[in-house]
Protein backbone atom coordinates (compact mmCIF):
# COMPACT_ATOMS: atom_id res chain seq x y z
CA MET A 1 0.04 0.11 -0.28
CA ARG A 2 2.87 2.36 0.91
CA ASP A 3 4.11 1.95 -2.52
CA ALA A 4 0.43 2.87 -4.32
CA PHE A 5 0.87 5.92 -2.03
CA ASP A 6 4.23 6.62 -3.17
CA ILE A 7 3.81 5.97 -6.38
CA ASP A 8 0.18 8.33 -6.50
CA ARG A 9 2.26 11.26 -5.04
CA LEU A 10 5.16 11.11 -7.21
CA ARG A 11 2.74 10.94 -10.24
CA LEU A 12 0.57 14.30 -8.67
CA VAL A 13 4.02 15.98 -9.01
CA GLY A 14 4.63 15.18 -12.61
CA VAL A 15 7.11 12.76 -12.01
CA VAL A 16 7.31 10.17 -15.12
CA LEU A 17 9.11 6.84 -15.87
CA ASN A 18 12.04 7.48 -18.55
CA GLU A 19 13.16 5.00 -20.89
CA GLN A 20 15.43 3.42 -18.46
CA LEU A 21 13.31 2.86 -15.84
CA GLU A 22 10.54 1.75 -17.64
CA ASN A 23 12.80 -1.15 -19.02
CA HIS A 24 14.02 -1.80 -15.68
CA LEU A 25 10.45 -2.47 -14.56
CA HIS A 26 9.73 -4.55 -18.00
CA ASP A 27 12.83 -6.57 -16.64
CA THR A 28 11.15 -6.75 -13.24
CA LEU A 29 7.93 -8.03 -14.32
CA MET A 30 9.36 -10.15 -16.70
CA ASN A 31 11.80 -11.65 -14.21
CA HIS A 32 8.92 -12.29 -11.66
CA GLU A 33 6.52 -13.77 -14.56
CA LEU A 34 3.87 -11.47 -13.98
CA GLU A 35 1.17 -11.29 -16.56
CA ALA A 36 -1.37 -8.59 -16.92
CA GLU A 37 -3.80 -10.63 -15.13
CA ASP A 38 -1.32 -10.96 -11.74
CA ILE A 39 -0.73 -7.00 -12.07
CA SER A 40 -4.29 -6.53 -12.31
CA ARG A 41 -5.37 -9.03 -9.36
CA ARG A 42 -2.40 -7.16 -7.19
CA ILE A 43 -3.87 -3.62 -8.39
CA SER A 44 -7.56 -4.83 -6.89
CA GLN A 45 -5.96 -5.72 -3.43
CA VAL A 46 -4.84 -2.33 -2.99
CA ASP A 47 -8.66 -1.85 -1.35
CA GLU A 48 -9.84 0.26 1.83
CA LYS A 49 -9.34 -2.95 4.06
CA ARG A 50 -5.66 -3.01 3.35
CA CYS A 51 -5.21 0.63 2.74
CA LEU A 52 -6.98 0.98 6.50
CA SER A 53 -4.07 -1.19 8.16
CA GLU A 54 -1.73 -0.33 6.39
CA LEU A 55 -1.72 3.05 5.94
CA ARG A 56 -3.79 5.03 8.29
CA SER A 57 -0.96 5.00 10.64
CA LEU A 58 1.57 6.44 8.00
CA LEU A 59 -0.30 9.16 6.70
CA PRO A 60 -1.62 12.57 8.08
CA PRO A 61 -5.28 12.57 9.08
CA GLU A 62 -6.19 15.04 6.01
CA VAL A 63 -4.84 12.99 3.64
CA PHE A 64 -5.87 9.81 4.77
CA ASP A 65 -9.03 10.38 5.05
CA ALA A 66 -9.45 12.60 1.63
CA LEU A 67 -7.81 8.56 0.08
CA ALA A 68 -10.96 6.98 2.15
CA ARG A 69 -13.32 9.33 0.82
CA GLU A 70 -12.64 8.26 -2.59
CA GLN A 71 -12.24 4.46 -1.33
CA PHE A 72 -8.18 4.47 -2.24
CA ARG A 73 -9.07 4.96 -5.95
CA PRO A 74 -6.34 7.28 -6.58
CA LEU A 75 -4.04 4.93 -5.72
CA ARG A 76 -5.62 2.31 -7.75
CA ASN A 77 -5.45 4.91 -10.68
CA ALA A 78 -1.71 5.66 -10.36
CA LEU A 79 -0.64 1.92 -10.09
CA HIS A 80 -2.96 1.37 -13.34
CA GLU A 81 -1.15 4.42 -15.37
CA LEU A 82 2.22 3.31 -14.16
CA TYR A 83 1.59 -0.25 -15.56
CA ARG A 84 -0.40 0.84 -18.57
CA ARG A 85 1.64 -0.54 -20.90
CA TRP A 86 1.72 -4.03 -19.39
CA LEU A 87 -2.11 -4.39 -18.80
CA GLU A 88 -2.71 -2.85 -22.59
CA ASP A 89 -1.69 -6.98 -23.05
CA GLU A 90 -5.34 -7.68 -21.50
């Protein structure tokens, strides 16, 4: 969950992967034999229950509450954006 939060925050300030980092991410996914279905399943695990248990104590209340009001959708959206290239294979 923390990774999803960090990815969301980086995306909000305009950070994008350069070609080298995108290639590294690709290699990592291939080394772990993760396919689009696996990525989608992991993204779906960014749910209210897990976010409550893993993020509530880490984030300022106003940040956590804003994400909770949206049922943590911004975190899932950030992951979808990051993995878009590989999810298009679905």
